[in-house]
Amino acid sequence: MTGFVHTSHTHDGDLAVFLIGMRVNHPWRPDLWGPVFAAMPGMLTELYAAKAAAARGEGPDLGFLEARTLIGARGPTLVQYWRDVESVYAYANDPERRHRPAWTAFYRRSRRATGAVGIWHETYAVPAGAHESLYVGMPPTGLGKAFGLTEDRSRRRHARIARRDVAAGGTTPEGAVS
């Protein structure tokens, strides 16, 4: 990260974006929301360890690429980047990985005190050509951290989706460079 350099992520293929979070509805019940909160760091550690092992050729590639944690007043949200949706589902349902037991434990605990804590997720399959990024004065983050950065000498790469849409007969969004 030096100066006012425009960069973008290097990947042009398909990918999946997975958002997952929790909401503390009853702050006075840490016995119910605490275990949910405490489960995520272990899962992230497992995912990063598996990613590193796969890069060394010492384990399977789970398809996990990168994650970022956002902190909100009622609980965290994680933005995760994956190779594809199938990899997200495979990890979530693997009984040998941390997610499946944590998921089962959450449902078991939630029957005791309905509504004390909420969990949610959203999964997006993003096809090739339907994602873009722009980073100025930023260290690698998001897709740039997941795939690596390339300098955008033209300062126009961030508008590639708009250019693709115009080429397909659409219109340029207000303010987009084409």
N, C-alpha and C. Protein backbone atom coordinates (compact mmCIF):
# COMPACT_ATOMS: atom_id res chain seq x y z
N MET A 1 0.85 -1.17 0.00
CA MET A 1 0.00 0.00 0.00
C MET A 1 0.90 1.23 0.00
N THR A 2 0.99 1.86 -1.13
CA THR A 2 1.78 3.09 -1.21
C THR A 2 1.02 4.11 -2.02
N GLY A 3 0.85 5.26 -1.46
CA GLY A 3 0.27 6.38 -2.18
C GLY A 3 -1.11 6.14 -2.72
N PHE A 4 -1.37 6.83 -3.82
CA PHE A 4 -2.69 6.84 -4.45
C PHE A 4 -2.66 5.92 -5.65
N VAL A 5 -2.52 4.62 -5.40
CA VAL A 5 -2.44 3.63 -6.46
C VAL A 5 -3.77 2.90 -6.54
N HIS A 6 -4.32 2.82 -7.74
CA HIS A 6 -5.54 2.06 -7.96
C HIS A 6 -5.16 0.61 -8.16
N THR A 7 -5.79 -0.28 -7.41
CA THR A 7 -5.58 -1.71 -7.61
C THR A 7 -6.93 -2.41 -7.67
N SER A 8 -6.91 -3.63 -8.17
CA SER A 8 -8.10 -4.46 -8.26
C SER A 8 -7.68 -5.90 -8.01
N HIS A 9 -8.63 -6.77 -7.71
CA HIS A 9 -8.29 -8.18 -7.52
C HIS A 9 -7.98 -8.83 -8.87
N THR A 10 -7.26 -9.94 -8.82
CA THR A 10 -6.74 -10.56 -10.04
C THR A 10 -7.63 -11.65 -10.62
N HIS A 11 -8.68 -12.05 -9.94
CA HIS A 11 -9.50 -13.20 -10.35
C HIS A 11 -10.64 -12.77 -11.25
N ASP A 12 -10.84 -13.50 -12.34
CA ASP A 12 -11.96 -13.22 -13.23
C ASP A 12 -12.96 -14.37 -13.33
N GLY A 13 -12.76 -15.44 -12.57
CA GLY A 13 -13.65 -16.61 -12.64
C GLY A 13 -14.81 -16.54 -11.67
N ASP A 14 -15.53 -17.65 -11.59
CA ASP A 14 -16.64 -17.78 -10.65
C ASP A 14 -16.12 -17.73 -9.22
N LEU A 15 -16.99 -17.39 -8.29
CA LEU A 15 -16.67 -17.45 -6.86
C LEU A 15 -17.98 -17.44 -6.08
N ALA A 16 -17.88 -17.66 -4.78
CA ALA A 16 -19.04 -17.59 -3.90
C ALA A 16 -18.73 -16.63 -2.76
N VAL A 17 -19.72 -15.85 -2.39
CA VAL A 17 -19.61 -14.97 -1.23
C VAL A 17 -20.61 -15.49 -0.20
N PHE A 18 -20.12 -15.71 1.00
CA PHE A 18 -20.93 -16.26 2.08
C PHE A 18 -20.92 -15.27 3.23
N LEU A 19 -22.09 -14.78 3.61
CA LEU A 19 -22.24 -13.89 4.76
C LEU A 19 -22.85 -14.70 5.89
N ILE A 20 -22.28 -14.58 7.07
CA ILE A 20 -22.81 -15.29 8.22
C ILE A 20 -22.69 -14.39 9.44
N GLY A 21 -23.70 -14.43 10.28
CA GLY A 21 -23.66 -13.58 11.46
C GLY A 21 -24.57 -14.08 12.56
N MET A 22 -24.48 -13.38 13.66
CA MET A 22 -25.34 -13.67 14.80
C MET A 22 -25.87 -12.36 15.34
N ARG A 23 -27.00 -12.44 16.03
CA ARG A 23 -27.60 -11.26 16.65
C ARG A 23 -27.95 -11.62 18.09
N VAL A 24 -27.41 -10.85 19.01
CA VAL A 24 -27.72 -11.04 20.42
C VAL A 24 -29.04 -10.33 20.69
N ASN A 25 -30.08 -11.10 20.97
CA ASN A 25 -31.40 -10.54 21.25
C ASN A 25 -31.63 -10.33 22.74
N HIS A 26 -31.01 -11.16 23.57
CA HIS A 26 -31.12 -11.05 25.02
C HIS A 26 -29.72 -10.94 25.61
N PRO A 27 -29.19 -9.73 25.71
CA PRO A 27 -27.82 -9.56 26.20
C PRO A 27 -27.61 -10.14 27.60
N TRP A 28 -28.67 -10.24 28.38
CA TRP A 28 -28.56 -10.76 29.74
C TRP A 28 -28.45 -12.30 29.78
N ARG A 29 -28.39 -12.95 28.60
CA ARG A 29 -28.27 -14.40 28.54
C ARG A 29 -26.97 -14.84 27.84
N PRO A 30 -25.82 -14.43 28.36
CA PRO A 30 -24.56 -14.86 27.74
C PRO A 30 -24.37 -16.37 27.76
N ASP A 31 -25.09 -17.05 28.64
CA ASP A 31 -25.02 -18.51 28.65
C ASP A 31 -25.56 -19.10 27.35
N LEU A 32 -26.41 -18.34 26.64
CA LEU A 32 -26.98 -18.82 25.38
C LEU A 32 -26.27 -18.24 24.16
N TRP A 33 -25.91 -16.96 24.20
CA TRP A 33 -25.24 -16.39 23.02
C TRP A 33 -23.73 -16.55 23.07
N GLY A 34 -23.15 -16.70 24.25
CA GLY A 34 -21.70 -16.85 24.37
C GLY A 34 -21.13 -18.02 23.58
N PRO A 35 -21.74 -19.22 23.68
CA PRO A 35 -21.21 -20.34 22.90
C PRO A 35 -21.29 -20.13 21.38
N VAL A 36 -22.33 -19.43 20.93
CA VAL A 36 -22.44 -19.13 19.50
C VAL A 36 -21.30 -18.20 19.09
N PHE A 37 -21.09 -17.16 19.89
CA PHE A 37 -20.02 -16.20 19.63
C PHE A 37 -18.66 -16.89 19.65
N ALA A 38 -18.46 -17.80 20.60
CA ALA A 38 -17.17 -18.46 20.78
C ALA A 38 -16.88 -19.52 19.71
N ALA A 39 -17.89 -19.99 19.01
CA ALA A 39 -17.68 -21.06 18.02
C ALA A 39 -16.99 -20.57 16.76
N MET A 40 -17.23 -19.34 16.35
CA MET A 40 -16.72 -18.87 15.06
C MET A 40 -15.19 -18.80 14.99
N PRO A 41 -14.48 -18.29 15.99
CA PRO A 41 -13.02 -18.25 15.87
C PRO A 41 -12.40 -19.62 15.60
N GLY A 42 -12.93 -20.66 16.22
CA GLY A 42 -12.41 -22.01 15.97
C GLY A 42 -12.64 -22.46 14.54
N MET A 43 -13.80 -22.10 13.99
CA MET A 43 -14.08 -22.46 12.59
C MET A 43 -13.14 -21.71 11.65
N LEU A 44 -12.93 -20.42 11.92
CA LEU A 44 -12.01 -19.65 11.08
C LEU A 44 -10.59 -20.19 11.16
N THR A 45 -10.15 -20.53 12.37
CA THR A 45 -8.82 -21.12 12.53
C THR A 45 -8.71 -22.40 11.71
N GLU A 46 -9.74 -23.23 11.78
CA GLU A 46 -9.76 -24.47 11.01
C GLU A 46 -9.68 -24.20 9.50
N LEU A 47 -10.46 -23.21 9.03
CA LEU A 47 -10.47 -22.90 7.60
C LEU A 47 -9.12 -22.36 7.13
N TYR A 48 -8.52 -21.45 7.89
CA TYR A 48 -7.21 -20.91 7.51
C TYR A 48 -6.13 -21.98 7.58
N ALA A 49 -6.19 -22.86 8.59
CA ALA A 49 -5.21 -23.95 8.69
C ALA A 49 -5.34 -24.91 7.52
N ALA A 50 -6.56 -25.24 7.13
CA ALA A 50 -6.78 -26.12 5.98
C ALA A 50 -6.30 -25.46 4.69
N LYS A 51 -6.54 -24.16 4.56
CA LYS A 51 -6.07 -23.43 3.38
C LYS A 51 -4.55 -23.48 3.28
N ALA A 52 -3.87 -23.24 4.41
CA ALA A 52 -2.40 -23.27 4.43
C ALA A 52 -1.88 -24.68 4.15
N ALA A 53 -2.51 -25.69 4.73
CA ALA A 53 -2.09 -27.08 4.50
C ALA A 53 -2.27 -27.45 3.03
N ALA A 54 -3.38 -27.04 2.42
CA ALA A 54 -3.61 -27.33 1.00
C ALA A 54 -2.56 -26.64 0.13
N ALA A 55 -2.18 -25.41 0.49
CA ALA A 55 -1.16 -24.68 -0.28
C ALA A 55 0.19 -25.39 -0.21
N ARG A 56 0.46 -26.09 0.90
CA ARG A 56 1.70 -26.85 1.04
C ARG A 56 1.58 -28.26 0.47
N GLY A 57 0.40 -28.61 -0.03
CA GLY A 57 0.17 -29.95 -0.55
C GLY A 57 -0.03 -30.99 0.54
N GLU A 58 -0.44 -30.55 1.72
CA GLU A 58 -0.55 -31.45 2.87
C GLU A 58 -1.99 -31.72 3.29
N GLY A 59 -2.94 -31.34 2.49
CA GLY A 59 -4.33 -31.58 2.85
C GLY A 59 -5.25 -31.17 1.72
N PRO A 60 -6.53 -31.50 1.85
CA PRO A 60 -7.48 -31.14 0.80
C PRO A 60 -7.75 -29.64 0.76
N ASP A 61 -8.06 -29.15 -0.42
CA ASP A 61 -8.46 -27.76 -0.60
C ASP A 61 -9.96 -27.69 -0.34
N LEU A 62 -10.34 -27.02 0.74
CA LEU A 62 -11.76 -26.92 1.09
C LEU A 62 -12.50 -25.89 0.24
N GLY A 63 -11.77 -25.05 -0.48
CA GLY A 63 -12.40 -24.02 -1.29
C GLY A 63 -12.53 -22.69 -0.59
N PHE A 64 -12.17 -22.62 0.69
CA PHE A 64 -12.19 -21.36 1.43
C PHE A 64 -11.05 -20.49 0.95
N LEU A 65 -11.34 -19.20 0.71
CA LEU A 65 -10.33 -18.28 0.20
C LEU A 65 -9.92 -17.21 1.22
N GLU A 66 -10.90 -16.57 1.84
CA GLU A 66 -10.58 -15.44 2.73
C GLU A 66 -11.83 -15.06 3.52
N ALA A 67 -11.63 -14.34 4.61
CA ALA A 67 -12.76 -13.87 5.43
C ALA A 67 -12.43 -12.52 6.04
N ARG A 68 -13.47 -11.82 6.35
CA ARG A 68 -13.35 -10.53 7.04
C ARG A 68 -14.48 -10.45 8.06
N THR A 69 -14.15 -9.99 9.27
CA THR A 69 -15.13 -9.88 10.34
C THR A 69 -15.54 -8.42 10.51
N LEU A 70 -16.83 -8.19 10.55
CA LEU A 70 -17.39 -6.86 10.79
C LEU A 70 -18.11 -6.90 12.13
N ILE A 71 -17.85 -5.94 12.98
CA ILE A 71 -18.44 -5.92 14.31
C ILE A 71 -19.60 -4.93 14.35
N GLY A 72 -20.74 -5.41 14.80
CA GLY A 72 -21.92 -4.56 14.95
C GLY A 72 -22.35 -4.51 16.41
N ALA A 73 -23.28 -3.64 16.72
CA ALA A 73 -23.72 -3.46 18.10
C ALA A 73 -24.35 -4.72 18.69
N ARG A 74 -25.02 -5.51 17.87
CA ARG A 74 -25.70 -6.71 18.37
C ARG A 74 -24.97 -8.01 18.05
N GLY A 75 -23.83 -7.91 17.35
CA GLY A 75 -23.08 -9.13 17.05
C GLY A 75 -22.28 -8.99 15.77
N PRO A 76 -21.42 -9.96 15.50
CA PRO A 76 -20.55 -9.90 14.34
C PRO A 76 -21.20 -10.42 13.06
N THR A 77 -20.66 -9.96 11.94
CA THR A 77 -20.97 -10.49 10.62
C THR A 77 -19.65 -10.85 9.97
N LEU A 78 -19.60 -12.02 9.36
CA LEU A 78 -18.41 -12.42 8.62
C LEU A 78 -18.72 -12.44 7.15
N VAL A 79 -17.82 -11.88 6.36
CA VAL A 79 -17.88 -11.95 4.91
C VAL A 79 -16.82 -12.96 4.51
N GLN A 80 -17.23 -14.04 3.87
CA GLN A 80 -16.29 -15.07 3.46
C GLN A 80 -16.32 -15.22 1.95
N TYR A 81 -15.15 -15.48 1.39
CA TYR A 81 -15.01 -15.73 -0.04
C TYR A 81 -14.61 -17.19 -0.22
N TRP A 82 -15.32 -17.87 -1.11
CA TRP A 82 -15.11 -19.29 -1.37
C TRP A 82 -14.97 -19.50 -2.88
N ARG A 83 -14.37 -20.61 -3.24
CA ARG A 83 -14.20 -20.97 -4.66
C ARG A 83 -15.56 -21.14 -5.33
N ASP A 84 -16.51 -21.79 -4.63
CA ASP A 84 -17.83 -22.03 -5.18
C ASP A 84 -18.80 -22.38 -4.05
N VAL A 85 -20.08 -22.35 -4.37
CA VAL A 85 -21.12 -22.62 -3.38
C VAL A 85 -21.03 -24.06 -2.88
N GLU A 86 -20.69 -24.98 -3.75
CA GLU A 86 -20.58 -26.38 -3.35
C GLU A 86 -19.56 -26.56 -2.23
N SER A 87 -18.48 -25.80 -2.26
CA SER A 87 -17.47 -25.87 -1.20
C SER A 87 -18.01 -25.37 0.13
N VAL A 88 -18.83 -24.32 0.09
CA VAL A 88 -19.46 -23.81 1.32
C VAL A 88 -20.33 -24.91 1.93
N TYR A 89 -21.18 -25.51 1.11
CA TYR A 89 -22.09 -26.54 1.61
C TYR A 89 -21.34 -27.78 2.09
N ALA A 90 -20.28 -28.16 1.38
CA ALA A 90 -19.50 -29.33 1.79
C ALA A 90 -18.88 -29.11 3.16
N TYR A 91 -18.33 -27.92 3.39
CA TYR A 91 -17.75 -27.63 4.71
C TYR A 91 -18.84 -27.63 5.78
N ALA A 92 -19.95 -26.97 5.51
CA ALA A 92 -21.02 -26.84 6.50
C ALA A 92 -21.58 -28.19 6.93
N ASN A 93 -21.60 -29.15 6.04
CA ASN A 93 -22.21 -30.44 6.33
C ASN A 93 -21.23 -31.54 6.69
N ASP A 94 -19.94 -31.24 6.73
CA ASP A 94 -18.93 -32.25 7.05
C ASP A 94 -18.89 -32.51 8.56
N PRO A 95 -19.28 -33.69 9.01
CA PRO A 95 -19.30 -33.96 10.45
C PRO A 95 -17.91 -33.99 11.09
N GLU A 96 -16.86 -34.06 10.27
CA GLU A 96 -15.49 -34.07 10.79
C GLU A 96 -14.94 -32.66 10.98
N ARG A 97 -15.65 -31.66 10.52
CA ARG A 97 -15.23 -30.26 10.65
C ARG A 97 -16.01 -29.60 11.78
N ARG A 98 -15.56 -28.43 12.20
CA ARG A 98 -16.13 -27.76 13.37
C ARG A 98 -17.55 -27.23 13.19
N HIS A 99 -17.95 -26.90 11.95
CA HIS A 99 -19.24 -26.26 11.76
C HIS A 99 -20.41 -27.16 12.15
N ARG A 100 -20.42 -28.36 11.65
CA ARG A 100 -21.58 -29.24 11.88
C ARG A 100 -21.87 -29.45 13.36
N PRO A 101 -20.87 -29.79 14.20
CA PRO A 101 -21.16 -29.92 15.64
C PRO A 101 -21.63 -28.61 16.28
N ALA A 102 -21.07 -27.48 15.86
CA ALA A 102 -21.49 -26.18 16.42
C ALA A 102 -22.93 -25.88 16.04
N TRP A 103 -23.30 -26.19 14.82
CA TRP A 103 -24.65 -25.99 14.33
C TRP A 103 -25.64 -26.84 15.14
N THR A 104 -25.31 -28.10 15.33
CA THR A 104 -26.16 -29.00 16.11
C THR A 104 -26.30 -28.51 17.55
N ALA A 105 -25.20 -28.08 18.14
CA ALA A 105 -25.23 -27.57 19.53
C ALA A 105 -26.09 -26.31 19.62
N PHE A 106 -26.01 -25.43 18.61
CA PHE A 106 -26.84 -24.21 18.61
C PHE A 106 -28.32 -24.57 18.67
N TYR A 107 -28.75 -25.48 17.80
CA TYR A 107 -30.17 -25.84 17.78
C TYR A 107 -30.60 -26.52 19.07
N ARG A 108 -29.73 -27.30 19.65
CA ARG A 108 -30.05 -27.95 20.93
C ARG A 108 -30.24 -26.90 22.03
N ARG A 109 -29.31 -25.93 22.11
CA ARG A 109 -29.41 -24.87 23.13
C ARG A 109 -30.58 -23.93 22.88
N SER A 110 -30.87 -23.65 21.61
CA SER A 110 -31.91 -22.67 21.30
C SER A 110 -33.29 -23.15 21.70
N ARG A 111 -33.48 -24.44 21.83
CA ARG A 111 -34.78 -24.95 22.28
C ARG A 111 -35.06 -24.58 23.73
N ARG A 112 -34.00 -24.35 24.51
CA ARG A 112 -34.18 -23.99 25.92
C ARG A 112 -34.66 -22.56 26.09
N ALA A 113 -34.23 -21.67 25.24
CA ALA A 113 -34.59 -20.24 25.37
C ALA A 113 -34.71 -19.64 23.98
N THR A 114 -35.85 -19.85 23.39
CA THR A 114 -36.10 -19.37 22.04
C THR A 114 -35.92 -17.87 21.94
N GLY A 115 -35.15 -17.43 20.94
CA GLY A 115 -35.02 -16.01 20.66
C GLY A 115 -33.92 -15.28 21.39
N ALA A 116 -33.14 -15.94 22.24
CA ALA A 116 -32.07 -15.25 22.96
C ALA A 116 -30.96 -14.81 22.01
N VAL A 117 -30.72 -15.61 21.00
CA VAL A 117 -29.69 -15.30 20.01
C VAL A 117 -30.19 -15.78 18.65
N GLY A 118 -29.90 -15.00 17.64
CA GLY A 118 -30.26 -15.39 16.29
C GLY A 118 -29.01 -15.61 15.46
N ILE A 119 -29.11 -16.51 14.51
CA ILE A 119 -28.03 -16.71 13.54
C ILE A 119 -28.62 -16.58 12.14
N TRP A 120 -27.80 -16.20 11.22
CA TRP A 120 -28.27 -16.04 9.85
C TRP A 120 -27.10 -16.26 8.89
N HIS A 121 -27.42 -16.58 7.66
CA HIS A 121 -26.41 -16.59 6.60
C HIS A 121 -27.08 -16.33 5.26
N GLU A 122 -26.26 -15.86 4.34
CA GLU A 122 -26.67 -15.65 2.95
C GLU A 122 -25.53 -16.16 2.08
N THR A 123 -25.88 -16.85 1.01
CA THR A 123 -24.88 -17.42 0.11
C THR A 123 -25.15 -16.88 -1.30
N TYR A 124 -24.11 -16.38 -1.93
CA TYR A 124 -24.22 -15.82 -3.27
C TYR A 124 -23.26 -16.54 -4.21
N ALA A 125 -23.78 -17.09 -5.29
CA ALA A 125 -22.96 -17.64 -6.36
C ALA A 125 -22.71 -16.49 -7.34
N VAL A 126 -21.45 -16.11 -7.52
CA VAL A 126 -21.12 -14.96 -8.35
C VAL A 126 -20.39 -15.48 -9.60
N PRO A 127 -21.04 -15.38 -10.76
CA PRO A 127 -20.41 -15.90 -11.97
C PRO A 127 -19.25 -15.03 -12.45
N ALA A 128 -18.40 -15.63 -13.25
CA ALA A 128 -17.29 -14.90 -13.86
C ALA A 128 -17.82 -13.66 -14.56
N GLY A 129 -17.11 -12.56 -14.41
CA GLY A 129 -17.50 -11.31 -15.06
C GLY A 129 -18.54 -10.51 -14.31
N ALA A 130 -19.04 -11.02 -13.18
CA ALA A 130 -20.08 -10.31 -12.44
C ALA A 130 -19.57 -9.77 -11.11
N HIS A 131 -18.27 -9.62 -10.98
CA HIS A 131 -17.69 -9.05 -9.76
C HIS A 131 -16.55 -8.11 -10.15
N GLU A 132 -16.37 -7.09 -9.35
CA GLU A 132 -15.28 -6.14 -9.58
C GLU A 132 -14.85 -5.58 -8.25
N SER A 133 -13.70 -4.95 -8.24
CA SER A 133 -13.20 -4.34 -7.01
C SER A 133 -12.31 -3.16 -7.36
N LEU A 134 -12.20 -2.25 -6.41
CA LEU A 134 -11.29 -1.11 -6.53
C LEU A 134 -10.75 -0.82 -5.15
N TYR A 135 -9.44 -0.74 -5.04
CA TYR A 135 -8.79 -0.42 -3.77
C TYR A 135 -7.83 0.73 -4.02
N VAL A 136 -7.97 1.79 -3.25
CA VAL A 136 -7.07 2.94 -3.34
C VAL A 136 -6.59 3.24 -1.93
N GLY A 137 -5.28 3.21 -1.73
CA GLY A 137 -4.72 3.49 -0.42
C GLY A 137 -5.11 2.44 0.62
N MET A 138 -5.28 1.20 0.18
CA MET A 138 -5.73 0.11 1.06
C MET A 138 -4.74 -1.04 1.02
N PRO A 139 -4.55 -1.71 2.16
CA PRO A 139 -3.83 -2.98 2.11
C PRO A 139 -4.75 -4.02 1.48
N PRO A 140 -4.24 -5.18 1.10
CA PRO A 140 -5.11 -6.21 0.53
C PRO A 140 -6.26 -6.53 1.48
N THR A 141 -7.48 -6.49 0.96
CA THR A 141 -8.68 -6.80 1.74
C THR A 141 -9.70 -7.43 0.80
N GLY A 142 -10.65 -8.14 1.34
CA GLY A 142 -11.72 -8.72 0.53
C GLY A 142 -11.22 -9.58 -0.60
N LEU A 143 -11.75 -9.36 -1.80
CA LEU A 143 -11.33 -10.14 -2.96
C LEU A 143 -9.85 -9.94 -3.26
N GLY A 144 -9.33 -8.74 -2.99
CA GLY A 144 -7.91 -8.47 -3.20
C GLY A 144 -7.02 -9.33 -2.32
N LYS A 145 -7.46 -9.57 -1.10
CA LYS A 145 -6.70 -10.44 -0.19
C LYS A 145 -6.88 -11.90 -0.58
N ALA A 146 -8.06 -12.26 -1.03
CA ALA A 146 -8.35 -13.65 -1.42
C ALA A 146 -7.57 -14.07 -2.66
N PHE A 147 -7.45 -13.17 -3.64
CA PHE A 147 -6.87 -13.54 -4.92
C PHE A 147 -5.57 -12.83 -5.26
N GLY A 148 -5.24 -11.79 -4.54
CA GLY A 148 -4.07 -10.98 -4.88
C GLY A 148 -4.51 -9.73 -5.63
N LEU A 149 -3.61 -8.75 -5.66
CA LEU A 149 -3.91 -7.46 -6.28
C LEU A 149 -3.09 -7.25 -7.54
N THR A 150 -3.64 -6.46 -8.42
CA THR A 150 -2.91 -6.01 -9.60
C THR A 150 -3.14 -4.51 -9.73
N GLU A 151 -2.10 -3.80 -10.14
CA GLU A 151 -2.25 -2.36 -10.31
C GLU A 151 -3.16 -2.09 -11.49
N ASP A 152 -4.05 -1.14 -11.31
CA ASP A 152 -4.99 -0.75 -12.35
C ASP A 152 -4.46 0.53 -12.98
N ARG A 153 -3.53 0.39 -13.90
CA ARG A 153 -2.88 1.55 -14.51
C ARG A 153 -3.87 2.43 -15.27
N SER A 154 -4.90 1.82 -15.83
CA SER A 154 -5.86 2.61 -16.61
C SER A 154 -6.86 3.33 -15.72
N ARG A 155 -6.92 2.95 -14.45
CA ARG A 155 -7.92 3.48 -13.52
C ARG A 155 -9.34 3.24 -14.03
N ARG A 156 -9.50 2.25 -14.89
CA ARG A 156 -10.81 1.96 -15.46
C ARG A 156 -11.25 0.52 -15.20
N ARG A 157 -10.38 -0.31 -14.66
CA ARG A 157 -10.74 -1.71 -14.46
C ARG A 157 -12.00 -1.85 -13.59
N HIS A 158 -12.14 -0.94 -12.61
CA HIS A 158 -13.30 -1.02 -11.71
C HIS A 158 -14.61 -0.84 -12.45
N ALA A 159 -14.55 -0.36 -13.66
CA ALA A 159 -15.78 -0.15 -14.43
C ALA A 159 -16.02 -1.28 -15.43
N ARG A 160 -15.31 -2.43 -15.28
CA ARG A 160 -15.44 -3.49 -16.28
C ARG A 160 -16.85 -4.05 -16.36
N ILE A 161 -17.58 -4.09 -15.25
CA ILE A 161 -18.96 -4.59 -15.31
C ILE A 161 -19.81 -3.63 -16.13
N ALA A 162 -19.63 -2.33 -15.93
CA ALA A 162 -20.39 -1.35 -16.71
C ALA A 162 -20.05 -1.47 -18.19
N ARG A 163 -18.77 -1.66 -18.52
CA ARG A 163 -18.38 -1.80 -19.92
C ARG A 163 -18.99 -3.06 -20.53
N ARG A 164 -19.01 -4.16 -19.76
CA ARG A 164 -19.60 -5.40 -20.25
C ARG A 164 -21.08 -5.20 -20.52
N ASP A 165 -21.78 -4.51 -19.60
CA ASP A 165 -23.20 -4.28 -19.77
C ASP A 165 -23.49 -3.40 -20.97
N VAL A 166 -22.66 -2.38 -21.19
CA VAL A 166 -22.83 -1.51 -22.35
C VAL A 166 -22.62 -2.31 -23.63
N ALA A 167 -21.59 -3.17 -23.65
CA ALA A 167 -21.32 -3.99 -24.83
C ALA A 167 -22.48 -4.93 -25.13
N ALA A 168 -23.22 -5.32 -24.10
CA ALA A 168 -24.36 -6.21 -24.28
C ALA A 168 -25.64 -5.45 -24.62
N GLY A 169 -25.52 -4.13 -24.83
CA GLY A 169 -26.68 -3.34 -25.21
C GLY A 169 -27.33 -2.57 -24.08
N GLY A 170 -26.73 -2.62 -22.89
CA GLY A 170 -27.27 -1.88 -21.74
C GLY A 170 -26.80 -0.45 -21.76
N THR A 171 -27.03 0.24 -20.68
CA THR A 171 -26.60 1.63 -20.55
C THR A 171 -25.55 1.74 -19.46
N THR A 172 -24.73 2.77 -19.55
CA THR A 172 -23.70 3.01 -18.54
C THR A 172 -24.34 3.64 -17.31
N PRO A 173 -24.10 3.05 -16.13
CA PRO A 173 -24.63 3.66 -14.91
C PRO A 173 -24.07 5.07 -14.72
N GLU A 174 -24.84 5.93 -14.08
CA GLU A 174 -24.42 7.30 -13.81
C GLU A 174 -23.04 7.31 -13.16
N GLY A 175 -22.11 8.03 -13.75
CA GLY A 175 -20.79 8.20 -13.15
C GLY A 175 -19.80 7.11 -13.50
N ALA A 176 -20.21 6.04 -14.18
CA ALA A 176 -19.27 4.96 -14.50
C ALA A 176 -18.40 5.37 -15.67
N VAL A 177 -17.16 4.97 -15.63
CA VAL A 177 -16.24 5.23 -16.72
C VAL A 177 -16.39 4.12 -17.74
N SER A 178 -16.58 4.46 -19.00
CA SER A 178 -16.68 3.42 -20.02
C SER A 178 -15.71 3.65 -21.14
